[in-house]
Amino acid sequence: MVRAKNARFSFTCFLAVLIAVMFVITVVLSFKLLTIDQCNCPSLVPELRPSSKPSLKLISTKHRLAVLVPYRERFEELLEFVPYMHRFLNNQQVYHNIFILNQVDTYRFNRASLINIGFLQVKSDFDYVAMHDVDLLPLNENLSYAYPKQPVHLAAPELHPKYHYSKFIGGILLINREHFQLVNGLSNRYWGWGLEDDEFYVRLKDAQLNVTRPENITTGVNNTFRHVHGKDRKRDTTKCYNQREVTRKRDRQTGLHDVRYNVLGYKSLEIDGAPATVINIQLICNHTATPWCDCSPQKSGKV
C-alpha cells in the first residue's frame, strides 16, 4: 500500500515537472517567434537605410545626411547625379540617403515646397539635410558635406559657375534639423523659377544664423562644380497675377508648418549600384493666396 502511494506520488511529481518544462519551452519558442518579422505586409513609409554600410574607416555615424533633390522631368541629369553623389559622399565617409522629390501634379514647379515636404518626410531619421539641385555636381573633393553647426552654402558665389551675387545661397546648402525648423523652412509662395532661395537667405538672417561658405578652396567658377543644365532647357520665369509684387517681399505667413500636399508613393531605385528613394509628391495650391501656381492663359489672362 505504501509502495503504491509512493509510486503515485513520484508519478505526480514527474508529471508536474514535465508540464513545467513544457511550459517554459513553449514560452521561449513563442518569444523567439514573436521577435522574428515574418510579415510581408507593405508599408506606407519606406525603410530608411544608409546609402552605404558603415565601414571601419567611418569616422562617425552620429550624423545622418538626407540629400533632398527637388525634381521634375530631368531624367538624364538624375541618371548622372545619383551615382556621382553616392560616390562623392562615400569618399567623404558621410552617412547618407538620397531623396528625389518628384513633383507629379500639373502646377508650376515649386522647389521650396518640395524641400519643405522632403524635410517633413525624413526629419525623424536624419539630423541634417542638403538642399541640392540635380544639375550641380561638386568637382572639388575639399567641398565638405559634414554636419553643419551653422548653415553652409557650398555653391558659394565665388565658386558657382553661373550666379555670383553676395546673397546667393542656391544650388547646394547644408542645414541642420534644428535650424531648418527654427526658420520654419522655406516660403511656399514661389511657383516657377527663382527667388525662393533669396527669401530663405532673409529668413536665416532674421534668425541670426550665420551662413558660412567653403574656405581654402583653390578652384574657381570654372572647375569647382559641373553645371549639367543644358542650354536648350528653358526656365519658367513667367510672372502672372500679382506674383512679382508678392514674391519680392519677406514671407512671414507660409513655410514648413502649412505646406499642403499628398504623397502618392515611394519608389526605391538603384542607378549603377547607387541607391535612392523617389517620393512622388502632389502639391496642393491655394488659388486665393497664390493664383500664379498656374499661369496658363485660359486661367490667368495675364501671361
C-alpha atoms as a PDB file:
ATOM      1  CA  MET A   1       0.000   0.000   0.000  1.00  0.00           C
ATOM      2  CA  VAL A   2       2.815   2.349   0.938  1.00  0.00           C
ATOM      3  CA  ARG A   3       4.651   1.445  -2.222  1.00  0.00           C
ATOM      4  CA  ALA A   4       1.584   2.234  -4.346  1.00  0.00           C
ATOM      5  CA  LYS A   5       1.220   5.621  -2.672  1.00  0.00           C
ATOM      6  CA  ASN A   6       4.898   6.375  -3.214  1.00  0.00           C
ATOM      7  CA  ALA A   7       4.587   5.353  -6.866  1.00  0.00           C
ATOM      8  CA  ARG A   8       1.591   7.598  -7.385  1.00  0.00           C
ATOM      9  CA  PHE A   9       3.377  10.488  -5.654  1.00  0.00           C
ATOM     10  CA  SER A  10       6.505  10.011  -7.815  1.00  0.00           C
ATOM     11  CA  PHE A  11       4.407   9.866 -10.971  1.00  0.00           C
ATOM     12  CA  THR A  12       2.557  13.052  -9.939  1.00  0.00           C
ATOM     13  CA  CYS A  13       5.869  14.846  -9.290  1.00  0.00           C
ATOM     14  CA  PHE A  14       7.232  13.658 -12.597  1.00  0.00           C
ATOM     15  CA  LEU A  15       4.096  14.863 -14.408  1.00  0.00           C
ATOM     16  CA  ALA A  16       4.277  18.269 -12.690  1.00  0.00           C
ATOM     17  CA  VAL A  17       7.926  18.693 -13.624  1.00  0.00           C
ATOM     18  CA  LEU A  18       7.181  17.642 -17.224  1.00  0.00           C
ATOM     19  CA  ILE A  19       4.350  20.161 -17.503  1.00  0.00           C
ATOM     20  CA  ALA A  20       6.558  22.913 -16.071  1.00  0.00           C
ATOM     21  CA  VAL A  21       9.362  22.127 -18.533  1.00  0.00           C
ATOM     22  CA  MET A  22       6.943  22.075 -21.476  1.00  0.00           C
ATOM     23  CA  PHE A  23       5.504  25.411 -20.358  1.00  0.00           C
ATOM     24  CA  VAL A  24       8.968  27.015 -20.229  1.00  0.00           C
ATOM     25  CA  ILE A  25       9.864  25.626 -23.671  1.00  0.00           C
ATOM     26  CA  THR A  26       6.568  26.917 -25.121  1.00  0.00           C
ATOM     27  CA  VAL A  27       7.127  30.417 -23.710  1.00  0.00           C
ATOM     28  CA  VAL A  28      10.703  30.571 -25.043  1.00  0.00           C
ATOM     29  CA  LEU A  29       9.696  29.404 -28.516  1.00  0.00           C
ATOM     30  CA  SER A  30       6.766  31.831 -28.621  1.00  0.00           C
ATOM     31  CA  PHE A  31       9.038  34.744 -27.680  1.00  0.00           C
ATOM     32  CA  LYS A  32      11.505  33.833 -30.399  1.00  0.00           C
ATOM     33  CA  LEU A  33       8.778  33.593 -32.996  1.00  0.00           C
ATOM     34  CA  LEU A  34       7.389  36.951 -31.973  1.00  0.00           C
ATOM     35  CA  THR A  35      10.784  38.598 -32.397  1.00  0.00           C
ATOM     36  CA  ILE A  36      11.171  37.332 -35.971  1.00  0.00           C
ATOM     37  CA  ASP A  37       9.480  39.583 -38.525  1.00  0.00           C
ATOM     38  CA  GLN A  38       7.655  37.168 -40.783  1.00  0.00           C
ATOM     39  CA  CYS A  39       5.167  39.714 -42.121  1.00  0.00           C
ATOM     40  CA  ASN A  40       5.497  40.717 -45.759  1.00  0.00           C
ATOM     41  CA  CYS A  41       2.865  43.423 -45.376  1.00  0.00           C
ATOM     42  CA  PRO A  42       3.558  46.548 -47.447  1.00  0.00           C
ATOM     43  CA  SER A  43       4.490  49.722 -45.552  1.00  0.00           C
ATOM     44  CA  LEU A  44       3.353  53.210 -46.482  1.00  0.00           C
ATOM     45  CA  VAL A  45       6.671  54.586 -45.240  1.00  0.00           C
ATOM     46  CA  PRO A  46       9.904  53.407 -46.899  1.00  0.00           C
ATOM     47  CA  GLU A  47      12.592  51.827 -44.796  1.00  0.00           C
ATOM     48  CA  LEU A  48      15.266  54.496 -44.392  1.00  0.00           C
ATOM     49  CA  ARG A  49      18.607  52.799 -44.739  1.00  0.00           C
ATOM     50  CA  PRO A  50      22.040  54.357 -45.174  1.00  0.00           C
ATOM     51  CA  SER A  51      23.182  54.556 -48.781  1.00  0.00           C
ATOM     52  CA  SER A  52      26.377  52.834 -47.742  1.00  0.00           C
ATOM     53  CA  LYS A  53      27.222  50.369 -44.992  1.00  0.00           C
ATOM     54  CA  PRO A  54      29.370  51.903 -42.253  1.00  0.00           C
ATOM     55  CA  SER A  55      32.956  50.722 -42.608  1.00  0.00           C
ATOM     56  CA  LEU A  56      35.875  50.627 -40.206  1.00  0.00           C
ATOM     57  CA  LYS A  57      37.090  53.852 -41.807  1.00  0.00           C
ATOM     58  CA  LEU A  58      33.868  55.669 -40.970  1.00  0.00           C
ATOM     59  CA  ILE A  59      34.770  58.406 -38.516  1.00  0.00           C
ATOM     60  CA  SER A  60      31.313  58.678 -37.006  1.00  0.00           C
ATOM     61  CA  THR A  61      27.767  57.519 -37.683  1.00  0.00           C
ATOM     62  CA  LYS A  62      26.401  60.096 -35.278  1.00  0.00           C
ATOM     63  CA  HIS A  63      25.200  62.442 -38.022  1.00  0.00           C
ATOM     64  CA  ARG A  64      22.918  61.322 -40.858  1.00  0.00           C
ATOM     65  CA  LEU A  65      22.557  63.362 -44.055  1.00  0.00           C
ATOM     66  CA  ALA A  66      19.414  63.449 -46.205  1.00  0.00           C
ATOM     67  CA  VAL A  67      20.161  64.780 -49.684  1.00  0.00           C
ATOM     68  CA  LEU A  68      16.912  66.472 -50.781  1.00  0.00           C
ATOM     69  CA  VAL A  69      16.667  66.872 -54.560  1.00  0.00           C
ATOM     70  CA  PRO A  70      13.654  68.806 -55.941  1.00  0.00           C
ATOM     71  CA  TYR A  71      12.864  67.159 -59.259  1.00  0.00           C
ATOM     72  CA  ARG A  72      10.672  67.133 -62.317  1.00  0.00           C
ATOM     73  CA  GLU A  73      11.366  65.604 -65.746  1.00  0.00           C
ATOM     74  CA  ARG A  74      15.170  65.699 -65.650  1.00  0.00           C
ATOM     75  CA  PHE A  75      15.833  62.028 -66.158  1.00  0.00           C
ATOM     76  CA  GLU A  76      19.203  62.319 -67.898  1.00  0.00           C
ATOM     77  CA  GLU A  77      20.508  64.566 -65.129  1.00  0.00           C
ATOM     78  CA  LEU A  78      19.154  62.186 -62.492  1.00  0.00           C
ATOM     79  CA  LEU A  79      20.982  59.245 -64.077  1.00  0.00           C
ATOM     80  CA  GLU A  80      24.249  61.107 -63.630  1.00  0.00           C
ATOM     81  CA  PHE A  81      23.504  62.734 -60.275  1.00  0.00           C
ATOM     82  CA  VAL A  82      22.657  59.702 -58.106  1.00  0.00           C
ATOM     83  CA  PRO A  83      25.763  57.543 -58.735  1.00  0.00           C
ATOM     84  CA  TYR A  84      28.063  60.565 -58.784  1.00  0.00           C
ATOM     85  CA  MET A  85      26.864  61.946 -55.445  1.00  0.00           C
ATOM     86  CA  HIS A  86      26.761  58.493 -53.867  1.00  0.00           C
ATOM     87  CA  ARG A  87      30.436  58.007 -54.688  1.00  0.00           C
ATOM     88  CA  PHE A  88      31.345  61.564 -53.656  1.00  0.00           C
ATOM     89  CA  LEU A  89      29.705  61.217 -50.241  1.00  0.00           C
ATOM     90  CA  ASN A  90      31.089  57.724 -49.697  1.00  0.00           C
ATOM     91  CA  ASN A  91      34.580  59.100 -50.323  1.00  0.00           C
ATOM     92  CA  GLN A  92      33.943  61.615 -47.532  1.00  0.00           C
ATOM     93  CA  GLN A  93      32.575  58.817 -45.335  1.00  0.00           C
ATOM     94  CA  VAL A  94      29.259  60.653 -44.934  1.00  0.00           C
ATOM     95  CA  TYR A  95      26.317  58.518 -43.790  1.00  0.00           C
ATOM     96  CA  HIS A  96      23.621  59.483 -46.299  1.00  0.00           C
ATOM     97  CA  ASN A  97      20.465  58.787 -48.269  1.00  0.00           C
ATOM     98  CA  ILE A  98      19.422  60.493 -51.498  1.00  0.00           C
ATOM     99  CA  PHE A  99      15.758  61.507 -51.829  1.00  0.00           C
ATOM    100  CA  ILE A 100      14.331  62.558 -55.189  1.00  0.00           C
ATOM    101  CA  LEU A 101      11.348  64.844 -54.512  1.00  0.00           C
ATOM    102  CA  ASN A 102       9.352  64.254 -57.665  1.00  0.00           C
ATOM    103  CA  GLN A 103       6.551  66.776 -58.323  1.00  0.00           C
ATOM    104  CA  VAL A 104       3.818  64.887 -60.180  1.00  0.00           C
ATOM    105  CA  ASP A 105       0.959  67.437 -60.301  1.00  0.00           C
ATOM    106  CA  THR A 106       0.238  69.851 -63.167  1.00  0.00           C
ATOM    107  CA  TYR A 107       1.106  73.046 -61.296  1.00  0.00           C
ATOM    108  CA  ARG A 108       4.240  75.051 -61.897  1.00  0.00           C
ATOM    109  CA  PHE A 109       7.409  73.731 -60.277  1.00  0.00           C
ATOM    110  CA  ASN A 110       7.771  74.702 -56.618  1.00  0.00           C
ATOM    111  CA  ARG A 111      11.291  73.934 -55.406  1.00  0.00           C
ATOM    112  CA  ALA A 112      10.754  75.404 -51.929  1.00  0.00           C
ATOM    113  CA  SER A 113       7.599  73.435 -51.143  1.00  0.00           C
ATOM    114  CA  LEU A 114       9.233  70.216 -52.319  1.00  0.00           C
ATOM    115  CA  ILE A 115      12.150  70.787 -49.938  1.00  0.00           C
ATOM    116  CA  ASN A 116       9.727  71.505 -47.075  1.00  0.00           C
ATOM    117  CA  ILE A 117       7.913  68.247 -47.790  1.00  0.00           C
ATOM    118  CA  GLY A 118      11.139  66.295 -48.117  1.00  0.00           C
ATOM    119  CA  PHE A 119      12.257  67.597 -44.741  1.00  0.00           C
ATOM    120  CA  LEU A 120       8.966  66.602 -43.107  1.00  0.00           C
ATOM    121  CA  GLN A 121       9.321  63.104 -44.557  1.00  0.00           C
ATOM    122  CA  VAL A 122      12.862  62.476 -43.280  1.00  0.00           C
ATOM    123  CA  LYS A 123      13.330  64.636 -40.175  1.00  0.00           C
ATOM    124  CA  SER A 124      12.833  61.799 -37.698  1.00  0.00           C
ATOM    125  CA  ASP A 125      15.635  59.750 -39.257  1.00  0.00           C
ATOM    126  CA  PHE A 126      18.172  62.392 -40.309  1.00  0.00           C
ATOM    127  CA  ASP A 127      19.713  65.270 -38.390  1.00  0.00           C
ATOM    128  CA  TYR A 128      20.757  67.448 -41.331  1.00  0.00           C
ATOM    129  CA  VAL A 129      19.829  67.971 -44.963  1.00  0.00           C
ATOM    130  CA  ALA A 130      21.444  69.106 -48.180  1.00  0.00           C
ATOM    131  CA  MET A 131      19.137  71.232 -50.311  1.00  0.00           C
ATOM    132  CA  HIS A 132      20.661  70.076 -53.596  1.00  0.00           C
ATOM    133  CA  ASP A 133      19.975  70.943 -57.250  1.00  0.00           C
ATOM    134  CA  VAL A 134      20.051  67.912 -59.526  1.00  0.00           C
ATOM    135  CA  ASP A 135      22.093  69.741 -62.158  1.00  0.00           C
ATOM    136  CA  LEU A 136      25.022  70.773 -59.937  1.00  0.00           C
ATOM    137  CA  LEU A 137      27.846  68.316 -59.258  1.00  0.00           C
ATOM    138  CA  PRO A 138      30.798  69.118 -56.961  1.00  0.00           C
ATOM    139  CA  LEU A 139      34.188  68.548 -58.579  1.00  0.00           C
ATOM    140  CA  ASN A 140      36.446  69.619 -55.731  1.00  0.00           C
ATOM    141  CA  GLU A 141      36.784  66.894 -53.090  1.00  0.00           C
ATOM    142  CA  ASN A 142      37.501  69.547 -50.441  1.00  0.00           C
ATOM    143  CA  LEU A 143      33.868  70.667 -50.529  1.00  0.00           C
ATOM    144  CA  SER A 144      32.800  69.101 -47.250  1.00  0.00           C
ATOM    145  CA  TYR A 145      29.310  67.654 -46.705  1.00  0.00           C
ATOM    146  CA  ALA A 146      29.967  67.157 -42.992  1.00  0.00           C
ATOM    147  CA  TYR A 147      27.390  68.093 -40.345  1.00  0.00           C
ATOM    148  CA  PRO A 148      26.972  71.902 -40.203  1.00  0.00           C
ATOM    149  CA  LYS A 149      26.764  73.740 -36.892  1.00  0.00           C
ATOM    150  CA  GLN A 150      25.663  76.778 -38.915  1.00  0.00           C
ATOM    151  CA  PRO A 151      24.144  76.723 -42.430  1.00  0.00           C
ATOM    152  CA  VAL A 152      26.846  76.023 -45.018  1.00  0.00           C
ATOM    153  CA  HIS A 153      26.450  77.258 -48.588  1.00  0.00           C
ATOM    154  CA  LEU A 154      28.682  75.005 -50.664  1.00  0.00           C
ATOM    155  CA  ALA A 155      27.826  76.596 -54.022  1.00  0.00           C
ATOM    156  CA  ALA A 156      29.309  79.929 -52.966  1.00  0.00           C
ATOM    157  CA  PRO A 157      29.053  82.922 -55.335  1.00  0.00           C
ATOM    158  CA  GLU A 158      32.805  82.891 -55.964  1.00  0.00           C
ATOM    159  CA  LEU A 159      32.618  79.190 -56.873  1.00  0.00           C
ATOM    160  CA  HIS A 160      29.296  78.745 -58.683  1.00  0.00           C
ATOM    161  CA  PRO A 161      29.633  78.713 -62.494  1.00  0.00           C
ATOM    162  CA  LYS A 162      26.618  80.981 -63.036  1.00  0.00           C
ATOM    163  CA  TYR A 163      25.450  83.004 -60.011  1.00  0.00           C
ATOM    164  CA  HIS A 164      27.828  85.379 -58.259  1.00  0.00           C
ATOM    165  CA  TYR A 165      25.832  87.869 -56.156  1.00  0.00           C
ATOM    166  CA  SER A 166      26.676  88.036 -52.453  1.00  0.00           C
ATOM    167  CA  LYS A 167      23.276  86.941 -51.065  1.00  0.00           C
ATOM    168  CA  PHE A 168      23.012  83.895 -53.319  1.00  0.00           C
ATOM    169  CA  ILE A 169      22.508  80.670 -51.313  1.00  0.00           C
ATOM    170  CA  GLY A 170      21.035  78.417 -54.019  1.00  0.00           C
ATOM    171  CA  GLY A 171      22.462  75.315 -55.641  1.00  0.00           C
ATOM    172  CA  ILE A 172      23.703  73.409 -52.574  1.00  0.00           C
ATOM    173  CA  LEU A 173      23.009  74.403 -48.963  1.00  0.00           C
ATOM    174  CA  LEU A 174      23.594  72.269 -45.864  1.00  0.00           C
ATOM    175  CA  ILE A 175      21.463  72.983 -42.802  1.00  0.00           C
ATOM    176  CA  ASN A 176      20.808  71.016 -39.636  1.00  0.00           C
ATOM    177  CA  ARG A 177      17.368  69.932 -38.488  1.00  0.00           C
ATOM    178  CA  GLU A 178      17.071  72.414 -35.624  1.00  0.00           C
ATOM    179  CA  HIS A 179      17.905  75.441 -37.766  1.00  0.00           C
ATOM    180  CA  PHE A 180      15.562  74.416 -40.586  1.00  0.00           C
ATOM    181  CA  GLN A 181      12.725  74.149 -38.082  1.00  0.00           C
ATOM    182  CA  LEU A 182      13.755  77.402 -36.407  1.00  0.00           C
ATOM    183  CA  VAL A 183      13.206  79.411 -39.613  1.00  0.00           C
ATOM    184  CA  ASN A 184      10.014  77.496 -40.484  1.00  0.00           C
ATOM    185  CA  GLY A 185      11.535  76.082 -43.664  1.00  0.00           C
ATOM    186  CA  LEU A 186      11.088  77.898 -46.968  1.00  0.00           C
ATOM    187  CA  SER A 187       8.243  80.023 -48.299  1.00  0.00           C
ATOM    188  CA  ASN A 188       5.566  78.139 -50.249  1.00  0.00           C
ATOM    189  CA  ARG A 189       4.722  81.146 -52.446  1.00  0.00           C
ATOM    190  CA  TYR A 190       7.375  80.576 -55.102  1.00  0.00           C
ATOM    191  CA  TRP A 191       5.821  78.796 -58.071  1.00  0.00           C
ATOM    192  CA  GLY A 192       8.005  78.862 -61.157  1.00  0.00           C
ATOM    193  CA  TRP A 193      11.722  79.572 -61.237  1.00  0.00           C
ATOM    194  CA  GLY A 194      13.732  81.774 -58.916  1.00  0.00           C
ATOM    195  CA  LEU A 195      13.792  83.913 -55.734  1.00  0.00           C
ATOM    196  CA  GLU A 196      12.846  81.235 -53.178  1.00  0.00           C
ATOM    197  CA  ASP A 197      16.467  80.918 -52.045  1.00  0.00           C
ATOM    198  CA  ASP A 198      16.796  84.716 -51.757  1.00  0.00           C
ATOM    199  CA  GLU A 199      13.790  84.768 -49.418  1.00  0.00           C
ATOM    200  CA  PHE A 200      15.311  81.878 -47.451  1.00  0.00           C
ATOM    201  CA  TYR A 201      18.519  83.909 -47.046  1.00  0.00           C
ATOM    202  CA  VAL A 202      16.466  86.631 -45.299  1.00  0.00           C
ATOM    203  CA  ARG A 203      14.870  84.024 -43.032  1.00  0.00           C
ATOM    204  CA  LEU A 204      18.293  82.801 -41.958  1.00  0.00           C
ATOM    205  CA  LYS A 205      19.488  86.337 -41.271  1.00  0.00           C
ATOM    206  CA  ASP A 206      16.321  87.206 -39.324  1.00  0.00           C
ATOM    207  CA  ALA A 207      17.010  84.155 -37.142  1.00  0.00           C
ATOM    208  CA  GLN A 208      20.577  85.433 -36.620  1.00  0.00           C
ATOM    209  CA  LEU A 209      22.070  82.371 -38.269  1.00  0.00           C
ATOM    210  CA  ASN A 210      25.476  82.792 -39.869  1.00  0.00           C
ATOM    211  CA  VAL A 211      25.692  81.385 -43.392  1.00  0.00           C
ATOM    212  CA  THR A 212      29.220  80.071 -43.879  1.00  0.00           C
ATOM    213  CA  ARG A 213      30.972  79.163 -47.120  1.00  0.00           C
ATOM    214  CA  PRO A 214      33.891  76.880 -48.020  1.00  0.00           C
ATOM    215  CA  GLU A 215      37.353  78.193 -47.210  1.00  0.00           C
ATOM    216  CA  ASN A 216      40.757  77.460 -48.729  1.00  0.00           C
ATOM    217  CA  ILE A 217      39.244  76.203 -51.986  1.00  0.00           C
ATOM    218  CA  THR A 218      41.832  76.573 -54.729  1.00  0.00           C
ATOM    219  CA  THR A 219      39.424  76.008 -57.625  1.00  0.00           C
ATOM    220  CA  GLY A 220      37.174  78.705 -59.073  1.00  0.00           C
ATOM    221  CA  VAL A 221      33.999  79.280 -61.074  1.00  0.00           C
ATOM    222  CA  ASN A 222      35.140  77.093 -63.958  1.00  0.00           C
ATOM    223  CA  ASN A 223      36.291  73.968 -62.142  1.00  0.00           C
ATOM    224  CA  THR A 224      34.636  73.717 -58.702  1.00  0.00           C
ATOM    225  CA  PHE A 225      31.289  72.452 -59.979  1.00  0.00           C
ATOM    226  CA  ARG A 226      29.870  70.930 -63.105  1.00  0.00           C
ATOM    227  CA  HIS A 227      26.625  72.604 -64.115  1.00  0.00           C
ATOM    228  CA  VAL A 228      24.735  69.969 -66.110  1.00  0.00           C
ATOM    229  CA  HIS A 229      21.864  72.278 -67.063  1.00  0.00           C
ATOM    230  CA  GLY A 230      21.537  72.279 -70.858  1.00  0.00           C
ATOM    231  CA  LYS A 231      21.204  75.489 -72.854  1.00  0.00           C
ATOM    232  CA  ASP A 232      18.073  74.173 -74.546  1.00  0.00           C
ATOM    233  CA  ARG A 233      16.234  73.837 -71.222  1.00  0.00           C
ATOM    234  CA  LYS A 234      14.014  76.881 -70.653  1.00  0.00           C
ATOM    235  CA  ARG A 235      13.341  78.226 -67.173  1.00  0.00           C
ATOM    236  CA  ASP A 236       9.810  79.071 -66.120  1.00  0.00           C
ATOM    237  CA  THR A 237      10.252  82.782 -65.444  1.00  0.00           C
ATOM    238  CA  THR A 238       6.659  83.746 -66.250  1.00  0.00           C
ATOM    239  CA  LYS A 239       5.007  86.210 -63.854  1.00  0.00           C
ATOM    240  CA  CYS A 240       1.218  86.457 -63.667  1.00  0.00           C
ATOM    241  CA  TYR A 241      -1.408  87.987 -61.390  1.00  0.00           C
ATOM    242  CA  ASN A 242       0.421  89.928 -58.617  1.00  0.00           C
ATOM    243  CA  GLN A 243       3.228  87.382 -58.355  1.00  0.00           C
ATOM    244  CA  ARG A 244       6.050  89.838 -58.981  1.00  0.00           C
ATOM    245  CA  GLU A 245       4.924  92.146 -56.192  1.00  0.00           C
ATOM    246  CA  VAL A 246       4.231  89.463 -53.586  1.00  0.00           C
ATOM    247  CA  THR A 247       7.379  87.397 -54.130  1.00  0.00           C
ATOM    248  CA  ARG A 248       9.673  90.400 -53.702  1.00  0.00           C
ATOM    249  CA  LYS A 249       8.730  90.616 -50.029  1.00  0.00           C
ATOM    250  CA  ARG A 250       9.688  88.601 -46.958  1.00  0.00           C
ATOM    251  CA  ASP A 251       7.039  85.914 -46.401  1.00  0.00           C
ATOM    252  CA  ARG A 252       6.047  85.695 -42.728  1.00  0.00           C
ATOM    253  CA  GLN A 253       2.926  83.591 -43.279  1.00  0.00           C
ATOM    254  CA  THR A 254       3.902  80.385 -45.083  1.00  0.00           C
ATOM    255  CA  GLY A 255       6.525  77.754 -44.531  1.00  0.00           C
ATOM    256  CA  LEU A 256       7.153  74.326 -43.110  1.00  0.00           C
ATOM    257  CA  HIS A 257       4.014  74.396 -40.951  1.00  0.00           C
ATOM    258  CA  ASP A 258       1.442  74.902 -43.716  1.00  0.00           C
ATOM    259  CA  VAL A 259       2.765  73.292 -46.888  1.00  0.00           C
ATOM    260  CA  ARG A 260      -0.115  71.363 -48.499  1.00  0.00           C
ATOM    261  CA  TYR A 261       0.476  68.137 -50.387  1.00  0.00           C
ATOM    262  CA  ASN A 262      -0.237  64.455 -50.900  1.00  0.00           C
ATOM    263  CA  VAL A 263       2.461  61.777 -51.048  1.00  0.00           C
ATOM    264  CA  LEU A 264       1.360  59.393 -53.802  1.00  0.00           C
ATOM    265  CA  GLY A 265       4.057  56.822 -53.212  1.00  0.00           C
ATOM    266  CA  TYR A 266       7.650  55.868 -52.553  1.00  0.00           C
ATOM    267  CA  LYS A 267       9.902  54.089 -55.025  1.00  0.00           C
ATOM    268  CA  SER A 268      13.334  52.662 -54.356  1.00  0.00           C
ATOM    269  CA  LEU A 269      15.696  52.777 -57.302  1.00  0.00           C
ATOM    270  CA  GLU A 270      19.311  51.948 -57.992  1.00  0.00           C
ATOM    271  CA  ILE A 271      21.445  53.576 -60.678  1.00  0.00           C
ATOM    272  CA  ASP A 272      24.815  51.985 -61.390  1.00  0.00           C
ATOM    273  CA  GLY A 273      24.774  50.458 -57.921  1.00  0.00           C
ATOM    274  CA  ALA A 274      23.814  53.709 -56.176  1.00  0.00           C
ATOM    275  CA  PRO A 275      20.510  53.636 -54.225  1.00  0.00           C
ATOM    276  CA  ALA A 276      17.980  56.444 -53.917  1.00  0.00           C
ATOM    277  CA  THR A 277      14.369  56.905 -52.843  1.00  0.00           C
ATOM    278  CA  VAL A 278      11.860  58.665 -55.090  1.00  0.00           C
ATOM    279  CA  ILE A 279       8.984  60.380 -53.268  1.00  0.00           C
ATOM    280  CA  ASN A 280       6.108  61.172 -55.637  1.00  0.00           C
ATOM    281  CA  ILE A 281       4.537  64.405 -54.431  1.00  0.00           C
ATOM    282  CA  GLN A 282       1.299  66.081 -55.447  1.00  0.00           C
ATOM    283  CA  LEU A 283       1.293  69.724 -54.387  1.00  0.00           C
ATOM    284  CA  ILE A 284      -1.950  71.458 -53.441  1.00  0.00           C
ATOM    285  CA  CYS A 285      -2.313  75.095 -54.471  1.00  0.00           C
ATOM    286  CA  ASN A 286      -4.227  77.732 -52.563  1.00  0.00           C
ATOM    287  CA  HIS A 287      -5.529  79.618 -55.598  1.00  0.00           C
ATOM    288  CA  THR A 288      -6.697  82.527 -53.468  1.00  0.00           C
ATOM    289  CA  ALA A 289      -3.274  83.132 -51.915  1.00  0.00           C
ATOM    290  CA  THR A 290      -1.076  82.136 -54.869  1.00  0.00           C
ATOM    291  CA  PRO A 291      -3.096  82.054 -58.098  1.00  0.00           C
ATOM    292  CA  TRP A 292       0.206  82.092 -60.018  1.00  0.00           C
ATOM    293  CA  CYS A 293       0.642  78.368 -59.332  1.00  0.00           C
ATOM    294  CA  ASP A 294      -0.980  78.125 -62.763  1.00  0.00           C
ATOM    295  CA  CYS A 295      -0.245  80.878 -65.260  1.00  0.00           C
ATOM    296  CA  SER A 296      -1.936  79.227 -68.223  1.00  0.00           C
ATOM    297  CA  PRO A 297      -3.607  81.866 -70.470  1.00  0.00           C
ATOM    298  CA  GLN A 298      -7.085  80.427 -70.120  1.00  0.00           C
ATOM    299  CA  LYS A 299      -6.906  80.748 -66.330  1.00  0.00           C
ATOM    300  CA  SER A 300      -4.973  83.914 -65.661  1.00  0.00           C
ATOM    301  CA  GLY A 301      -5.443  86.077 -68.724  1.00  0.00           C
ATOM    302  CA  LYS A 302      -2.302  87.946 -67.597  1.00  0.00           C
ATOM    303  CA  VAL A 303       0.612  85.996 -69.019  1.00  0.00           C
END
